[in-house]
């Protein structure tokens, strides 16, 4: 019965995260422009790095036998880190594509 409660709790957390992600809005562009984009990009990279570090810590704690860390915590942290990395990778791909389009226009 405990594993069912744990899965139910995990499902509730995932739904809350999905609702939170749907509620996020892109920041409004400011008159300055360039600094905000660089700041946002740096924040995104730092966020991905933090999620990956947290996932690595949880994985090592679980593999060392720490009873305070459950498999579901490790898996959720790992999935968050993987998804955030994939999102960052897609942003990078779009930026490279936009750069190449601009370079082709100038040529």
C-alpha atoms as a PDB file:
ATOM      1  CA  UNK A   1       0.000   0.000   0.000  1.00  0.00           C
ATOM      2  CA  UNK A   2       2.920   2.317   0.695  1.00  0.00           C
ATOM      3  CA  UNK A   3       4.217   2.066  -2.879  1.00  0.00           C
ATOM      4  CA  UNK A   4       0.770   3.025  -4.228  1.00  0.00           C
ATOM      5  CA  UNK A   5       0.737   6.099  -1.982  1.00  0.00           C
ATOM      6  CA  UNK A   6       4.254   6.952  -3.114  1.00  0.00           C
ATOM      7  CA  UNK A   7       3.268   6.671  -6.788  1.00  0.00           C
ATOM      8  CA  UNK A   8       0.152   8.740  -6.171  1.00  0.00           C
ATOM      9  CA  UNK A   9       2.266  11.419  -4.513  1.00  0.00           C
ATOM     10  CA  UNK A  10       4.713  11.329  -7.410  1.00  0.00           C
ATOM     11  CA  UNK A  11       1.887  11.678  -9.919  1.00  0.00           C
ATOM     12  CA  UNK A  12       0.520  14.655  -7.993  1.00  0.00           C
ATOM     13  CA  UNK A  13       3.955  16.299  -8.040  1.00  0.00           C
ATOM     14  CA  UNK A  14       4.321  15.728 -11.785  1.00  0.00           C
ATOM     15  CA  UNK A  15       0.901  17.233 -12.438  1.00  0.00           C
ATOM     16  CA  UNK A  16       1.788  20.264 -10.323  1.00  0.00           C
ATOM     17  CA  UNK A  17       5.031  20.715 -12.275  1.00  0.00           C
ATOM     18  CA  UNK A  18       3.165  20.428 -15.576  1.00  0.00           C
ATOM     19  CA  UNK A  19       0.644  23.040 -14.444  1.00  0.00           C
ATOM     20  CA  UNK A  20       3.479  25.284 -13.314  1.00  0.00           C
ATOM     21  CA  UNK A  21       5.264  24.912 -16.667  1.00  0.00           C
ATOM     22  CA  UNK A  22       2.089  25.762 -18.580  1.00  0.00           C
ATOM     23  CA  UNK A  23       1.633  28.889 -16.463  1.00  0.00           C
ATOM     24  CA  UNK A  24       5.106  30.247 -17.214  1.00  0.00           C
ATOM     25  CA  UNK A  25       5.253  33.253 -19.484  1.00  0.00           C
ATOM     26  CA  UNK A  26       8.169  34.520 -21.484  1.00  0.00           C
ATOM     27  CA  UNK A  27       9.651  37.706 -20.067  1.00  0.00           C
ATOM     28  CA  UNK A  28       8.562  40.885 -21.795  1.00  0.00           C
ATOM     29  CA  UNK A  29      11.253  42.354 -24.053  1.00  0.00           C
ATOM     30  CA  UNK A  30      12.850  45.519 -22.726  1.00  0.00           C
ATOM     31  CA  UNK A  31      14.238  48.509 -24.557  1.00  0.00           C
ATOM     32  CA  UNK A  32      17.850  47.370 -23.864  1.00  0.00           C
ATOM     33  CA  UNK A  33      17.434  43.996 -25.529  1.00  0.00           C
ATOM     34  CA  UNK A  34      20.888  42.377 -25.599  1.00  0.00           C
ATOM     35  CA  UNK A  35      21.619  42.192 -21.874  1.00  0.00           C
ATOM     36  CA  UNK A  36      18.327  40.538 -21.029  1.00  0.00           C
ATOM     37  CA  UNK A  37      18.839  37.785 -23.581  1.00  0.00           C
ATOM     38  CA  UNK A  38      22.359  37.038 -22.355  1.00  0.00           C
ATOM     39  CA  UNK A  39      21.141  37.066 -18.747  1.00  0.00           C
ATOM     40  CA  UNK A  40      18.252  34.720 -19.594  1.00  0.00           C
ATOM     41  CA  UNK A  41      20.517  32.348 -21.512  1.00  0.00           C
ATOM     42  CA  UNK A  42      23.078  32.280 -18.704  1.00  0.00           C
ATOM     43  CA  UNK A  43      20.295  31.623 -16.183  1.00  0.00           C
ATOM     44  CA  UNK A  44      19.003  28.747 -18.288  1.00  0.00           C
ATOM     45  CA  UNK A  45      22.459  27.159 -18.516  1.00  0.00           C
ATOM     46  CA  UNK A  46      22.963  27.554 -14.764  1.00  0.00           C
ATOM     47  CA  UNK A  47      19.549  26.036 -14.084  1.00  0.00           C
ATOM     48  CA  UNK A  48      20.335  23.003 -16.260  1.00  0.00           C
ATOM     49  CA  UNK A  49      23.687  22.635 -14.514  1.00  0.00           C
ATOM     50  CA  UNK A  50      22.021  22.783 -11.079  1.00  0.00           C
ATOM     51  CA  UNK A  51      19.451  20.144 -12.058  1.00  0.00           C
ATOM     52  CA  UNK A  52      22.165  17.837 -13.366  1.00  0.00           C
ATOM     53  CA  UNK A  53      24.259  18.304 -10.227  1.00  0.00           C
ATOM     54  CA  UNK A  54      21.253  17.570  -8.013  1.00  0.00           C
ATOM     55  CA  UNK A  55      20.488  14.464 -10.067  1.00  0.00           C
ATOM     56  CA  UNK A  56      24.090  13.253  -9.739  1.00  0.00           C
ATOM     57  CA  UNK A  57      24.061  13.783  -5.969  1.00  0.00           C
ATOM     58  CA  UNK A  58      20.791  11.887  -5.581  1.00  0.00           C
ATOM     59  CA  UNK A  59      22.077   9.048  -7.774  1.00  0.00           C
ATOM     60  CA  UNK A  60      25.240   8.679  -5.730  1.00  0.00           C
ATOM     61  CA  UNK A  61      23.304   8.837  -2.449  1.00  0.00           C
ATOM     62  CA  UNK A  62      20.884   6.167  -3.645  1.00  0.00           C
ATOM     63  CA  UNK A  63      23.636   3.901  -4.955  1.00  0.00           C
ATOM     64  CA  UNK A  64      25.521   4.204  -1.661  1.00  0.00           C
ATOM     65  CA  UNK A  65      22.457   2.918   0.184  1.00  0.00           C
ATOM     66  CA  UNK A  66      21.106   6.131   1.716  1.00  0.00           C
ATOM     67  CA  UNK A  67      17.637   5.224   3.015  1.00  0.00           C
ATOM     68  CA  UNK A  68      16.487   8.876   2.868  1.00  0.00           C
ATOM     69  CA  UNK A  69      16.620   8.845  -0.945  1.00  0.00           C
ATOM     70  CA  UNK A  70      14.003   6.850  -2.834  1.00  0.00           C
ATOM     71  CA  UNK A  71      14.229   5.500  -6.344  1.00  0.00           C
ATOM     72  CA  UNK A  72      11.347   7.732  -7.420  1.00  0.00           C
ATOM     73  CA  UNK A  73      13.249  10.836  -6.260  1.00  0.00           C
ATOM     74  CA  UNK A  74      16.280   9.743  -8.254  1.00  0.00           C
ATOM     75  CA  UNK A  75      14.229   9.024 -11.369  1.00  0.00           C
ATOM     76  CA  UNK A  76      12.300  12.314 -11.218  1.00  0.00           C
ATOM     77  CA  UNK A  77      15.511  14.298 -10.723  1.00  0.00           C
ATOM     78  CA  UNK A  78      17.126  12.434 -13.607  1.00  0.00           C
ATOM     79  CA  UNK A  79      14.161  13.091 -15.907  1.00  0.00           C
ATOM     80  CA  UNK A  80      14.072  16.794 -14.961  1.00  0.00           C
ATOM     81  CA  UNK A  81      17.773  17.104 -15.736  1.00  0.00           C
ATOM     82  CA  UNK A  82      17.408  15.253 -19.028  1.00  0.00           C
ATOM     83  CA  UNK A  83      14.392  17.251 -20.177  1.00  0.00           C
ATOM     84  CA  UNK A  84      15.946  20.580 -19.246  1.00  0.00           C
ATOM     85  CA  UNK A  85      19.115  19.634 -21.132  1.00  0.00           C
ATOM     86  CA  UNK A  86      17.091  18.654 -24.197  1.00  0.00           C
ATOM     87  CA  UNK A  87      15.208  21.970 -24.046  1.00  0.00           C
ATOM     88  CA  UNK A  88      18.475  23.890 -23.809  1.00  0.00           C
ATOM     89  CA  UNK A  89      19.850  21.885 -26.729  1.00  0.00           C
ATOM     90  CA  UNK A  90      16.815  22.792 -28.854  1.00  0.00           C
ATOM     91  CA  UNK A  91      17.285  26.484 -28.014  1.00  0.00           C
ATOM     92  CA  UNK A  92      20.925  26.216 -29.063  1.00  0.00           C
ATOM     93  CA  UNK A  93      19.919  24.537 -32.329  1.00  0.00           C
ATOM     94  CA  UNK A  94      17.427  27.322 -33.076  1.00  0.00           C
ATOM     95  CA  UNK A  95      20.066  29.962 -32.341  1.00  0.00           C
ATOM     96  CA  UNK A  96      22.581  28.292 -34.658  1.00  0.00           C
ATOM     97  CA  UNK A  97      19.920  28.001 -37.353  1.00  0.00           C
ATOM     98  CA  UNK A  98      18.994  31.681 -37.000  1.00  0.00           C
ATOM     99  CA  UNK A  99      22.673  32.655 -37.167  1.00  0.00           C
ATOM    100  CA  UNK A 100      23.138  30.607 -40.338  1.00  0.00           C
ATOM    101  CA  UNK A 101      20.036  32.200 -41.895  1.00  0.00           C
ATOM    102  CA  UNK A 102      21.398  35.669 -41.130  1.00  0.00           C
ATOM    103  CA  UNK A 103      24.781  34.770 -42.595  1.00  0.00           C
ATOM    104  CA  UNK A 104      23.110  33.446 -45.774  1.00  0.00           C
ATOM    105  CA  UNK A 105      21.140  36.679 -46.155  1.00  0.00           C
ATOM    106  CA  UNK A 106      24.326  38.742 -45.950  1.00  0.00           C
ATOM    107  CA  UNK A 107      26.185  36.567 -48.475  1.00  0.00           C
END
